[in-house]
Amino acid sequence: MRVVLRTRDYDAPHGFSETVERQILFALSRFRSHLHAVEILVDRAAPSGAAGPAHRCRIRADVQLVGPVNVEVFDADCSKAVARAVERIGRQVRLELSLLREGVFPGVVG
């Protein structure tokens, strides 16, 4: 599993990338055989209608036989945005793989 971290408009503190990679590996380690790559983007952005700057953490996991799984979290604190996004991507990958095992394919109406 390849992990790529990108930051934009954010001066990451020393050790930030190692911390984020460790969190991702911990959250997704049990799914490692199903994951091709995980891309994390951390930047300063505000969701529409927000009152002030926020940090955004967007994670995309490329899951075998499922495709891309995406989450996006905004928070005033960058570390909190990352932690919440990591937690959500773990839950979402688990959900998608369990649906695949059960033969339920999202987006298919029938």
PDB file of N, CA and C in Angstrom:
ATOM      1  N   MET A   1       0.855  -1.172   0.000  1.00  0.00           N
ATOM      2  CA  MET A   1       0.000   0.000   0.000  1.00  0.00           C
ATOM      3  C   MET A   1       0.901   1.235   0.000  1.00  0.00           C
ATOM      4  N   ARG A   2       0.674   2.073  -0.970  1.00  0.00           N
ATOM      5  CA  ARG A   2       1.443   3.307  -1.096  1.00  0.00           C
ATOM      6  C   ARG A   2       0.680   4.433  -0.401  1.00  0.00           C
ATOM      7  N   VAL A   3       1.377   5.189   0.449  1.00  0.00           N
ATOM      8  CA  VAL A   3       0.766   6.318   1.157  1.00  0.00           C
ATOM      9  C   VAL A   3       1.452   7.596   0.686  1.00  0.00           C
ATOM     10  N   VAL A   4       0.643   8.550   0.204  1.00  0.00           N
ATOM     11  CA  VAL A   4       1.165   9.825  -0.281  1.00  0.00           C
ATOM     12  C   VAL A   4       0.482  10.942   0.494  1.00  0.00           C
ATOM     13  N   LEU A   5       1.282  11.818   1.088  1.00  0.00           N
ATOM     14  CA  LEU A   5       0.758  12.966   1.817  1.00  0.00           C
ATOM     15  C   LEU A   5       1.187  14.236   1.093  1.00  0.00           C
ATOM     16  N   ARG A   6       0.212  15.091   0.820  1.00  0.00           N
ATOM     17  CA  ARG A   6       0.498  16.393   0.223  1.00  0.00           C
ATOM     18  C   ARG A   6      -0.080  17.472   1.127  1.00  0.00           C
ATOM     19  N   THR A   7       0.639  18.574   1.242  1.00  0.00           N
ATOM     20  CA  THR A   7       0.119  19.726   1.968  1.00  0.00           C
ATOM     21  C   THR A   7       0.118  20.910   1.011  1.00  0.00           C
ATOM     22  N   ARG A   8      -0.881  21.764   1.186  1.00  0.00           N
ATOM     23  CA  ARG A   8      -0.989  22.957   0.348  1.00  0.00           C
ATOM     24  C   ARG A   8      -1.451  24.101   1.251  1.00  0.00           C
ATOM     25  N   ASP A   9      -0.775  25.227   1.168  1.00  0.00           N
ATOM     26  CA  ASP A   9      -1.112  26.394   1.985  1.00  0.00           C
ATOM     27  C   ASP A   9      -1.105  26.066   3.474  1.00  0.00           C
ATOM     28  N   TYR A  10      -0.238  25.161   3.862  1.00  0.00           N
ATOM     29  CA  TYR A  10      -0.138  24.777   5.264  1.00  0.00           C
ATOM     30  C   TYR A  10       1.315  24.461   5.566  1.00  0.00           C
ATOM     31  N   ASP A  11       1.867  25.140   6.552  1.00  0.00           N
ATOM     32  CA  ASP A  11       3.238  24.880   6.983  1.00  0.00           C
ATOM     33  C   ASP A  11       3.209  23.778   8.027  1.00  0.00           C
ATOM     34  N   ALA A  12       3.466  22.580   7.582  1.00  0.00           N
ATOM     35  CA  ALA A  12       3.394  21.412   8.464  1.00  0.00           C
ATOM     36  C   ALA A  12       4.531  21.448   9.472  1.00  0.00           C
ATOM     37  N   PRO A  13       4.222  21.179  10.736  1.00  0.00           N
ATOM     38  CA  PRO A  13       5.270  21.140  11.759  1.00  0.00           C
ATOM     39  C   PRO A  13       6.178  19.924  11.562  1.00  0.00           C
ATOM     40  N   HIS A  14       7.311  19.969  12.192  1.00  0.00           N
ATOM     41  CA  HIS A  14       8.274  18.870  12.110  1.00  0.00           C
ATOM     42  C   HIS A  14       7.616  17.571  12.584  1.00  0.00           C
ATOM     43  N   GLY A  15       7.769  16.520  11.819  1.00  0.00           N
ATOM     44  CA  GLY A  15       7.229  15.215  12.181  1.00  0.00           C
ATOM     45  C   GLY A  15       5.779  15.005  11.790  1.00  0.00           C
ATOM     46  N   PHE A  16       5.161  16.003  11.152  1.00  0.00           N
ATOM     47  CA  PHE A  16       3.751  15.915  10.780  1.00  0.00           C
ATOM     48  C   PHE A  16       3.491  14.752   9.821  1.00  0.00           C
ATOM     49  N   SER A  17       4.293  14.643   8.784  1.00  0.00           N
ATOM     50  CA  SER A  17       4.042  13.596   7.785  1.00  0.00           C
ATOM     51  C   SER A  17       4.195  12.197   8.384  1.00  0.00           C
ATOM     52  N   GLU A  18       5.163  12.017   9.272  1.00  0.00           N
ATOM     53  CA  GLU A  18       5.343  10.714   9.909  1.00  0.00           C
ATOM     54  C   GLU A  18       4.152  10.375  10.800  1.00  0.00           C
ATOM     55  N   THR A  19       3.634  11.379  11.505  1.00  0.00           N
ATOM     56  CA  THR A  19       2.486  11.167  12.375  1.00  0.00           C
ATOM     57  C   THR A  19       1.250  10.782  11.574  1.00  0.00           C
ATOM     58  N   VAL A  20       1.010  11.496  10.481  1.00  0.00           N
ATOM     59  CA  VAL A  20      -0.156  11.207   9.641  1.00  0.00           C
ATOM     60  C   VAL A  20      -0.026   9.823   9.016  1.00  0.00           C
ATOM     61  N   GLU A  21       1.150   9.490   8.522  1.00  0.00           N
ATOM     62  CA  GLU A  21       1.342   8.166   7.921  1.00  0.00           C
ATOM     63  C   GLU A  21       1.137   7.059   8.946  1.00  0.00           C
ATOM     64  N   ARG A  22       1.611   7.260  10.169  1.00  0.00           N
ATOM     65  CA  ARG A  22       1.423   6.271  11.228  1.00  0.00           C
ATOM     66  C   ARG A  22      -0.062   6.096  11.552  1.00  0.00           C
ATOM     67  N   GLN A  23      -0.821   7.200  11.594  1.00  0.00           N
ATOM     68  CA  GLN A  23      -2.257   7.122  11.852  1.00  0.00           C
ATOM     69  C   GLN A  23      -2.970   6.350  10.743  1.00  0.00           C
ATOM     70  N   ILE A  24      -2.619   6.635   9.497  1.00  0.00           N
ATOM     71  CA  ILE A  24      -3.236   5.950   8.348  1.00  0.00           C
ATOM     72  C   ILE A  24      -2.923   4.457   8.390  1.00  0.00           C
ATOM     73  N   LEU A  25      -1.670   4.117   8.610  1.00  0.00           N
ATOM     74  CA  LEU A  25      -1.289   2.707   8.639  1.00  0.00           C
ATOM     75  C   LEU A  25      -1.998   1.964   9.767  1.00  0.00           C
ATOM     76  N   PHE A  26      -2.157   2.614  10.912  1.00  0.00           N
ATOM     77  CA  PHE A  26      -2.866   1.993  12.025  1.00  0.00           C
ATOM     78  C   PHE A  26      -4.339   1.767  11.677  1.00  0.00           C
ATOM     79  N   ALA A  27      -4.983   2.794  11.090  1.00  0.00           N
ATOM     80  CA  ALA A  27      -6.418   2.711  10.790  1.00  0.00           C
ATOM     81  C   ALA A  27      -6.726   1.726   9.673  1.00  0.00           C
ATOM     82  N   LEU A  28      -5.806   1.572   8.732  1.00  0.00           N
ATOM     83  CA  LEU A  28      -6.098   0.759   7.550  1.00  0.00           C
ATOM     84  C   LEU A  28      -5.279  -0.523   7.446  1.00  0.00           C
ATOM     85  N   SER A  29      -4.498  -0.843   8.461  1.00  0.00           N
ATOM     86  CA  SER A  29      -3.597  -1.999   8.357  1.00  0.00           C
ATOM     87  C   SER A  29      -4.331  -3.307   8.086  1.00  0.00           C
ATOM     88  N   ARG A  30      -5.508  -3.491   8.663  1.00  0.00           N
ATOM     89  CA  ARG A  30      -6.220  -4.757   8.451  1.00  0.00           C
ATOM     90  C   ARG A  30      -6.781  -4.879   7.038  1.00  0.00           C
ATOM     91  N   PHE A  31      -6.824  -3.769   6.298  1.00  0.00           N
ATOM     92  CA  PHE A  31      -7.319  -3.779   4.921  1.00  0.00           C
ATOM     93  C   PHE A  31      -6.182  -3.678   3.906  1.00  0.00           C
ATOM     94  N   ARG A  32      -4.955  -3.748   4.390  1.00  0.00           N
ATOM     95  CA  ARG A  32      -3.773  -3.497   3.556  1.00  0.00           C
ATOM     96  C   ARG A  32      -3.786  -4.303   2.253  1.00  0.00           C
ATOM     97  N   SER A  33      -4.220  -5.543   2.297  1.00  0.00           N
ATOM     98  CA  SER A  33      -4.198  -6.382   1.097  1.00  0.00           C
ATOM     99  C   SER A  33      -5.218  -5.925   0.058  1.00  0.00           C
ATOM    100  N   HIS A  34      -6.179  -5.102   0.448  1.00  0.00           N
ATOM    101  CA  HIS A  34      -7.206  -4.609  -0.461  1.00  0.00           C
ATOM    102  C   HIS A  34      -6.920  -3.199  -0.978  1.00  0.00           C
ATOM    103  N   LEU A  35      -5.867  -2.572  -0.481  1.00  0.00           N
ATOM    104  CA  LEU A  35      -5.595  -1.175  -0.817  1.00  0.00           C
ATOM    105  C   LEU A  35      -4.412  -1.049  -1.762  1.00  0.00           C
ATOM    106  N   HIS A  36      -4.619  -0.288  -2.827  1.00  0.00           N
ATOM    107  CA  HIS A  36      -3.526   0.010  -3.748  1.00  0.00           C
ATOM    108  C   HIS A  36      -2.742   1.218  -3.249  1.00  0.00           C
ATOM    109  N   ALA A  37      -3.461   2.282  -2.932  1.00  0.00           N
ATOM    110  CA  ALA A  37      -2.821   3.523  -2.516  1.00  0.00           C
ATOM    111  C   ALA A  37      -3.766   4.333  -1.658  1.00  0.00           C
ATOM    112  N   VAL A  38      -3.173   5.180  -0.824  1.00  0.00           N
ATOM    113  CA  VAL A  38      -3.926   6.131  -0.014  1.00  0.00           C
ATOM    114  C   VAL A  38      -3.278   7.494  -0.220  1.00  0.00           C
ATOM    115  N   GLU A  39      -4.088   8.460  -0.608  1.00  0.00           N
ATOM    116  CA  GLU A  39      -3.597   9.820  -0.811  1.00  0.00           C
ATOM    117  C   GLU A  39      -4.266  10.739   0.197  1.00  0.00           C
ATOM    118  N   ILE A  40      -3.450  11.551   0.863  1.00  0.00           N
ATOM    119  CA  ILE A  40      -3.953  12.478   1.860  1.00  0.00           C
ATOM    120  C   ILE A  40      -3.573  13.886   1.422  1.00  0.00           C
ATOM    121  N   LEU A  41      -4.535  14.789   1.444  1.00  0.00           N
ATOM    122  CA  LEU A  41      -4.286  16.198   1.161  1.00  0.00           C
ATOM    123  C   LEU A  41      -4.688  16.993   2.392  1.00  0.00           C
ATOM    124  N   VAL A  42      -3.775  17.800   2.884  1.00  0.00           N
ATOM    125  CA  VAL A  42      -4.058  18.685   4.006  1.00  0.00           C
ATOM    126  C   VAL A  42      -3.801  20.104   3.527  1.00  0.00           C
ATOM    127  N   ASP A  43      -4.803  20.967   3.673  1.00  0.00           N
ATOM    128  CA  ASP A  43      -4.615  22.353   3.281  1.00  0.00           C
ATOM    129  C   ASP A  43      -5.496  23.277   4.103  1.00  0.00           C
ATOM    130  N   ARG A  44      -5.346  24.542   3.849  1.00  0.00           N
ATOM    131  CA  ARG A  44      -6.193  25.536   4.494  1.00  0.00           C
ATOM    132  C   ARG A  44      -7.298  25.866   3.520  1.00  0.00           C
ATOM    133  N   ALA A  45      -8.497  25.618   3.938  1.00  0.00           N
ATOM    134  CA  ALA A  45      -9.660  25.876   3.090  1.00  0.00           C
ATOM    135  C   ALA A  45     -10.863  26.041   3.994  1.00  0.00           C
ATOM    136  N   ALA A  46     -11.828  26.745   3.507  1.00  0.00           N
ATOM    137  CA  ALA A  46     -13.049  26.925   4.294  1.00  0.00           C
ATOM    138  C   ALA A  46     -14.223  26.372   3.504  1.00  0.00           C
ATOM    139  N   PRO A  47     -15.061  25.563   4.131  1.00  0.00           N
ATOM    140  CA  PRO A  47     -16.258  25.090   3.436  1.00  0.00           C
ATOM    141  C   PRO A  47     -17.185  26.269   3.163  1.00  0.00           C
ATOM    142  N   SER A  48     -18.003  26.165   2.164  1.00  0.00           N
ATOM    143  CA  SER A  48     -18.893  27.271   1.823  1.00  0.00           C
ATOM    144  C   SER A  48     -19.778  27.612   3.012  1.00  0.00           C
ATOM    145  N   GLY A  49     -19.893  28.898   3.278  1.00  0.00           N
ATOM    146  CA  GLY A  49     -20.711  29.359   4.382  1.00  0.00           C
ATOM    147  C   GLY A  49     -19.987  29.395   5.716  1.00  0.00           C
ATOM    148  N   ALA A  50     -18.718  28.996   5.742  1.00  0.00           N
ATOM    149  CA  ALA A  50     -17.974  28.984   7.004  1.00  0.00           C
ATOM    150  C   ALA A  50     -17.518  30.402   7.362  1.00  0.00           C
ATOM    151  N   ALA A  51     -17.460  30.645   8.628  1.00  0.00           N
ATOM    152  CA  ALA A  51     -17.039  31.953   9.104  1.00  0.00           C
ATOM    153  C   ALA A  51     -15.580  31.898   9.528  1.00  0.00           C
ATOM    154  N   GLY A  52     -14.681  31.962   8.593  1.00  0.00           N
ATOM    155  CA  GLY A  52     -13.266  31.967   8.926  1.00  0.00           C
ATOM    156  C   GLY A  52     -12.522  30.789   8.344  1.00  0.00           C
ATOM    157  N   PRO A  53     -11.208  30.856   8.444  1.00  0.00           N
ATOM    158  CA  PRO A  53     -10.383  29.797   7.852  1.00  0.00           C
ATOM    159  C   PRO A  53     -10.488  28.484   8.609  1.00  0.00           C
ATOM    160  N   ALA A  54     -10.336  27.433   7.891  1.00  0.00           N
ATOM    161  CA  ALA A  54     -10.346  26.097   8.485  1.00  0.00           C
ATOM    162  C   ALA A  54      -9.303  25.256   7.775  1.00  0.00           C
ATOM    163  N   HIS A  55      -8.987  24.164   8.379  1.00  0.00           N
ATOM    164  CA  HIS A  55      -8.097  23.196   7.740  1.00  0.00           C
ATOM    165  C   HIS A  55      -8.962  22.091   7.156  1.00  0.00           C
ATOM    166  N   ARG A  56      -8.511  21.587   6.029  1.00  0.00           N
ATOM    167  CA  ARG A  56      -9.222  20.486   5.382  1.00  0.00           C
ATOM    168  C   ARG A  56      -8.272  19.303   5.291  1.00  0.00           C
ATOM    169  N   CYS A  57      -8.823  18.129   5.537  1.00  0.00           N
ATOM    170  CA  CYS A  57      -8.093  16.895   5.300  1.00  0.00           C
ATOM    171  C   CYS A  57      -8.956  16.048   4.381  1.00  0.00           C
ATOM    172  N   ARG A  58      -8.428  15.759   3.227  1.00  0.00           N
ATOM    173  CA  ARG A  58      -9.132  14.927   2.252  1.00  0.00           C
ATOM    174  C   ARG A  58      -8.311  13.655   2.069  1.00  0.00           C
ATOM    175  N   ILE A  59      -8.970  12.512   2.200  1.00  0.00           N
ATOM    176  CA  ILE A  59      -8.286  11.227   2.038  1.00  0.00           C
ATOM    177  C   ILE A  59      -8.992  10.428   0.964  1.00  0.00           C
ATOM    178  N   ARG A  60      -8.198   9.867   0.076  1.00  0.00           N
ATOM    179  CA  ARG A  60      -8.717   8.998  -0.974  1.00  0.00           C
ATOM    180  C   ARG A  60      -7.979   7.662  -0.872  1.00  0.00           C
ATOM    181  N   ALA A  61      -8.754   6.593  -0.707  1.00  0.00           N
ATOM    182  CA  ALA A  61      -8.188   5.247  -0.651  1.00  0.00           C
ATOM    183  C   ALA A  61      -8.652   4.490  -1.891  1.00  0.00           C
ATOM    184  N   ASP A  62      -7.718   3.966  -2.655  1.00  0.00           N
ATOM    185  CA  ASP A  62      -8.049   3.160  -3.824  1.00  0.00           C
ATOM    186  C   ASP A  62      -8.155   1.707  -3.381  1.00  0.00           C
ATOM    187  N   VAL A  63      -9.396   1.218  -3.346  1.00  0.00           N
ATOM    188  CA  VAL A  63      -9.680  -0.105  -2.805  1.00  0.00           C
ATOM    189  C   VAL A  63      -9.925  -1.083  -3.951  1.00  0.00           C
ATOM    190  N   GLN A  64      -9.233  -2.204  -3.894  1.00  0.00           N
ATOM    191  CA  GLN A  64      -9.354  -3.247  -4.908  1.00  0.00           C
ATOM    192  C   GLN A  64     -10.802  -3.728  -5.001  1.00  0.00           C
ATOM    193  N   LEU A  65     -11.330  -3.819  -6.199  1.00  0.00           N
ATOM    194  CA  LEU A  65     -12.679  -4.279  -6.530  1.00  0.00           C
ATOM    195  C   LEU A  65     -13.788  -3.317  -6.094  1.00  0.00           C
ATOM    196  N   VAL A  66     -13.430  -2.222  -5.450  1.00  0.00           N
ATOM    197  CA  VAL A  66     -14.416  -1.237  -5.012  1.00  0.00           C
ATOM    198  C   VAL A  66     -14.214   0.077  -5.750  1.00  0.00           C
ATOM    199  N   GLY A  67     -12.962   0.485  -5.889  1.00  0.00           N
ATOM    200  CA  GLY A  67     -12.647   1.774  -6.494  1.00  0.00           C
ATOM    201  C   GLY A  67     -12.258   2.781  -5.423  1.00  0.00           C
ATOM    202  N   PRO A  68     -12.314   4.063  -5.758  1.00  0.00           N
ATOM    203  CA  PRO A  68     -11.903   5.074  -4.790  1.00  0.00           C
ATOM    204  C   PRO A  68     -12.933   5.283  -3.691  1.00  0.00           C
ATOM    205  N   VAL A  69     -12.435   5.436  -2.480  1.00  0.00           N
ATOM    206  CA  VAL A  69     -13.257   5.769  -1.320  1.00  0.00           C
ATOM    207  C   VAL A  69     -12.709   7.094  -0.803  1.00  0.00           C
ATOM    208  N   ASN A  70     -13.578   8.097  -0.682  1.00  0.00           N
ATOM    209  CA  ASN A  70     -13.147   9.443  -0.332  1.00  0.00           C
ATOM    210  C   ASN A  70     -13.827   9.942   0.930  1.00  0.00           C
ATOM    211  N   VAL A  71     -13.063  10.688   1.726  1.00  0.00           N
ATOM    212  CA  VAL A  71     -13.628  11.430   2.849  1.00  0.00           C
ATOM    213  C   VAL A  71     -12.995  12.816   2.862  1.00  0.00           C
ATOM    214  N   GLU A  72     -13.726  13.764   3.425  1.00  0.00           N
ATOM    215  CA  GLU A  72     -13.228  15.125   3.538  1.00  0.00           C
ATOM    216  C   GLU A  72     -13.737  15.702   4.853  1.00  0.00           C
ATOM    217  N   VAL A  73     -12.829  16.276   5.638  1.00  0.00           N
ATOM    218  CA  VAL A  73     -13.171  16.828   6.941  1.00  0.00           C
ATOM    219  C   VAL A  73     -12.586  18.228   7.056  1.00  0.00           C
ATOM    220  N   PHE A  74     -13.383  19.146   7.598  1.00  0.00           N
ATOM    221  CA  PHE A  74     -12.941  20.502   7.888  1.00  0.00           C
ATOM    222  C   PHE A  74     -12.922  20.691   9.392  1.00  0.00           C
ATOM    223  N   ASP A  75     -11.900  21.387   9.881  1.00  0.00           N
ATOM    224  CA  ASP A  75     -11.837  21.723  11.297  1.00  0.00           C
ATOM    225  C   ASP A  75     -10.894  22.912  11.467  1.00  0.00           C
ATOM    226  N   ALA A  76     -11.123  23.705  12.494  1.00  0.00           N
ATOM    227  CA  ALA A  76     -10.240  24.840  12.776  1.00  0.00           C
ATOM    228  C   ALA A  76      -8.846  24.355  13.175  1.00  0.00           C
ATOM    229  N   ASP A  77      -8.763  23.162  13.738  1.00  0.00           N
ATOM    230  CA  ASP A  77      -7.494  22.581  14.160  1.00  0.00           C
ATOM    231  C   ASP A  77      -7.084  21.501  13.162  1.00  0.00           C
ATOM    232  N   CYS A  78      -5.905  21.636  12.602  1.00  0.00           N
ATOM    233  CA  CYS A  78      -5.442  20.699  11.580  1.00  0.00           C
ATOM    234  C   CYS A  78      -5.331  19.270  12.109  1.00  0.00           C
ATOM    235  N   SER A  79      -4.801  19.102  13.292  1.00  0.00           N
ATOM    236  CA  SER A  79      -4.647  17.757  13.856  1.00  0.00           C
ATOM    237  C   SER A  79      -5.995  17.070  14.049  1.00  0.00           C
ATOM    238  N   LYS A  80      -6.993  17.843  14.455  1.00  0.00           N
ATOM    239  CA  LYS A  80      -8.338  17.281  14.627  1.00  0.00           C
ATOM    240  C   LYS A  80      -8.943  16.904  13.282  1.00  0.00           C
ATOM    241  N   ALA A  81      -8.715  17.719  12.266  1.00  0.00           N
ATOM    242  CA  ALA A  81      -9.228  17.399  10.928  1.00  0.00           C
ATOM    243  C   ALA A  81      -8.624  16.090  10.438  1.00  0.00           C
ATOM    244  N   VAL A  82      -7.324  15.932  10.624  1.00  0.00           N
ATOM    245  CA  VAL A  82      -6.644  14.708  10.186  1.00  0.00           C
ATOM    246  C   VAL A  82      -7.167  13.506  10.966  1.00  0.00           C
ATOM    247  N   ALA A  83      -7.258  13.637  12.280  1.00  0.00           N
ATOM    248  CA  ALA A  83      -7.711  12.508  13.107  1.00  0.00           C
ATOM    249  C   ALA A  83      -9.124  12.076  12.736  1.00  0.00           C
ATOM    250  N   ARG A  84     -10.014  13.034  12.529  1.00  0.00           N
ATOM    251  CA  ARG A  84     -11.390  12.694  12.161  1.00  0.00           C
ATOM    252  C   ARG A  84     -11.449  12.067  10.773  1.00  0.00           C
ATOM    253  N   ALA A  85     -10.650  12.578   9.837  1.00  0.00           N
ATOM    254  CA  ALA A  85     -10.643  12.018   8.485  1.00  0.00           C
ATOM    255  C   ALA A  85     -10.090  10.597   8.482  1.00  0.00           C
ATOM    256  N   VAL A  86      -9.058  10.355   9.259  1.00  0.00           N
ATOM    257  CA  VAL A  86      -8.484   9.006   9.350  1.00  0.00           C
ATOM    258  C   VAL A  86      -9.505   8.038   9.929  1.00  0.00           C
ATOM    259  N   GLU A  87     -10.211   8.473  10.960  1.00  0.00           N
ATOM    260  CA  GLU A  87     -11.246   7.620  11.554  1.00  0.00           C
ATOM    261  C   GLU A  87     -12.346   7.313  10.531  1.00  0.00           C
ATOM    262  N   ARG A  88     -12.773   8.316   9.801  1.00  0.00           N
ATOM    263  CA  ARG A  88     -13.841   8.120   8.811  1.00  0.00           C
ATOM    264  C   ARG A  88     -13.413   7.233   7.652  1.00  0.00           C
ATOM    265  N   ILE A  89     -12.171   7.384   7.180  1.00  0.00           N
ATOM    266  CA  ILE A  89     -11.744   6.550   6.047  1.00  0.00           C
ATOM    267  C   ILE A  89     -11.671   5.094   6.487  1.00  0.00           C
ATOM    268  N   GLY A  90     -11.261   4.842   7.724  1.00  0.00           N
ATOM    269  CA  GLY A  90     -11.246   3.471   8.235  1.00  0.00           C
ATOM    270  C   GLY A  90     -12.640   2.864   8.259  1.00  0.00           C
ATOM    271  N   ARG A  91     -13.605   3.628   8.755  1.00  0.00           N
ATOM    272  CA  ARG A  91     -14.994   3.142   8.794  1.00  0.00           C
ATOM    273  C   ARG A  91     -15.551   2.939   7.393  1.00  0.00           C
ATOM    274  N   GLN A  92     -15.262   3.877   6.490  1.00  0.00           N
ATOM    275  CA  GLN A  92     -15.824   3.804   5.148  1.00  0.00           C
ATOM    276  C   GLN A  92     -15.238   2.631   4.352  1.00  0.00           C
ATOM    277  N   VAL A  93     -13.942   2.408   4.479  1.00  0.00           N
ATOM    278  CA  VAL A  93     -13.322   1.266   3.787  1.00  0.00           C
ATOM    279  C   VAL A  93     -13.902  -0.034   4.332  1.00  0.00           C
ATOM    280  N   ARG A  94     -14.048  -0.127   5.650  1.00  0.00           N
ATOM    281  CA  ARG A  94     -14.646  -1.326   6.256  1.00  0.00           C
ATOM    282  C   ARG A  94     -16.056  -1.552   5.723  1.00  0.00           C
ATOM    283  N   LEU A  95     -16.856  -0.494   5.635  1.00  0.00           N
ATOM    284  CA  LEU A  95     -18.215  -0.598   5.119  1.00  0.00           C
ATOM    285  C   LEU A  95     -18.226  -1.061   3.665  1.00  0.00           C
ATOM    286  N   GLU A  96     -17.420  -0.442   2.838  1.00  0.00           N
ATOM    287  CA  GLU A  96     -17.392  -0.796   1.418  1.00  0.00           C
ATOM    288  C   GLU A  96     -16.975  -2.249   1.218  1.00  0.00           C
ATOM    289  N   LEU A  97     -15.985  -2.707   1.959  1.00  0.00           N
ATOM    290  CA  LEU A  97     -15.546  -4.097   1.820  1.00  0.00           C
ATOM    291  C   LEU A  97     -16.582  -5.078   2.354  1.00  0.00           C
ATOM    292  N   SER A  98     -17.298  -4.694   3.401  1.00  0.00           N
ATOM    293  CA  SER A  98     -18.340  -5.593   3.904  1.00  0.00           C
ATOM    294  C   SER A  98     -19.504  -5.670   2.914  1.00  0.00           C
ATOM    295  N   LEU A  99     -19.841  -4.567   2.272  1.00  0.00           N
ATOM    296  CA  LEU A  99     -20.877  -4.592   1.232  1.00  0.00           C
ATOM    297  C   LEU A  99     -20.450  -5.461   0.055  1.00  0.00           C
ATOM    298  N   LEU A 100     -19.178  -5.389  -0.290  1.00  0.00           N
ATOM    299  CA  LEU A 100     -18.662  -6.221  -1.378  1.00  0.00           C
ATOM    300  C   LEU A 100     -18.767  -7.702  -1.017  1.00  0.00           C
ATOM    301  N   ARG A 101     -18.404  -8.059   0.200  1.00  0.00           N
ATOM    302  CA  ARG A 101     -18.489  -9.452   0.649  1.00  0.00           C
ATOM    303  C   ARG A 101     -19.930  -9.952   0.647  1.00  0.00           C
ATOM    304  N   GLU A 102     -20.872  -9.078   0.983  1.00  0.00           N
ATOM    305  CA  GLU A 102     -22.286  -9.456   1.034  1.00  0.00           C
ATOM    306  C   GLU A 102     -22.938  -9.434  -0.343  1.00  0.00           C
ATOM    307  N   GLY A 103     -22.215  -8.976  -1.338  1.00  0.00           N
ATOM    308  CA  GLY A 103     -22.757  -8.935  -2.690  1.00  0.00           C
ATOM    309  C   GLY A 103     -23.613  -7.719  -2.958  1.00  0.00           C
ATOM    310  N   VAL A 104     -23.529  -6.719  -2.105  1.00  0.00           N
ATOM    311  CA  VAL A 104     -24.269  -5.477  -2.300  1.00  0.00           C
ATOM    312  C   VAL A 104     -23.326  -4.490  -2.947  1.00  0.00           C
ATOM    313  N   PHE A 105     -23.668  -4.040  -4.130  1.00  0.00           N
ATOM    314  CA  PHE A 105     -22.811  -3.111  -4.837  1.00  0.00           C
ATOM    315  C   PHE A 105     -23.446  -1.733  -4.875  1.00  0.00           C
ATOM    316  N   PRO A 106     -22.839  -0.750  -4.198  1.00  0.00           N
ATOM    317  CA  PRO A 106     -23.408   0.593  -4.179  1.00  0.00           C
ATOM    318  C   PRO A 106     -23.579   1.137  -5.594  1.00  0.00           C
ATOM    319  N   GLY A 107     -24.642   1.847  -5.795  1.00  0.00           N
ATOM    320  CA  GLY A 107     -24.894   2.455  -7.099  1.00  0.00           C
ATOM    321  C   GLY A 107     -25.652   1.582  -8.057  1.00  0.00           C
ATOM    322  N   VAL A 108     -25.885   0.324  -7.693  1.00  0.00           N
ATOM    323  CA  VAL A 108     -26.606  -0.605  -8.570  1.00  0.00           C
ATOM    324  C   VAL A 108     -28.044  -0.701  -8.092  1.00  0.00           C
ATOM    325  N   VAL A 109     -28.962  -0.346  -8.949  1.00  0.00           N
ATOM    326  CA  VAL A 109     -30.385  -0.412  -8.606  1.00  0.00           C
ATOM    327  C   VAL A 109     -30.972  -1.628  -9.277  1.00  0.00           C
ATOM    328  N   GLY A 110     -31.738  -2.394  -8.542  1.00  0.00           N
ATOM    329  CA  GLY A 110     -32.281  -3.571  -9.207  1.00  0.00           C
ATOM    330  C   GLY A 110     -33.279  -4.312  -8.441  1.00  0.00           C
TER     331      GLY A 110
END
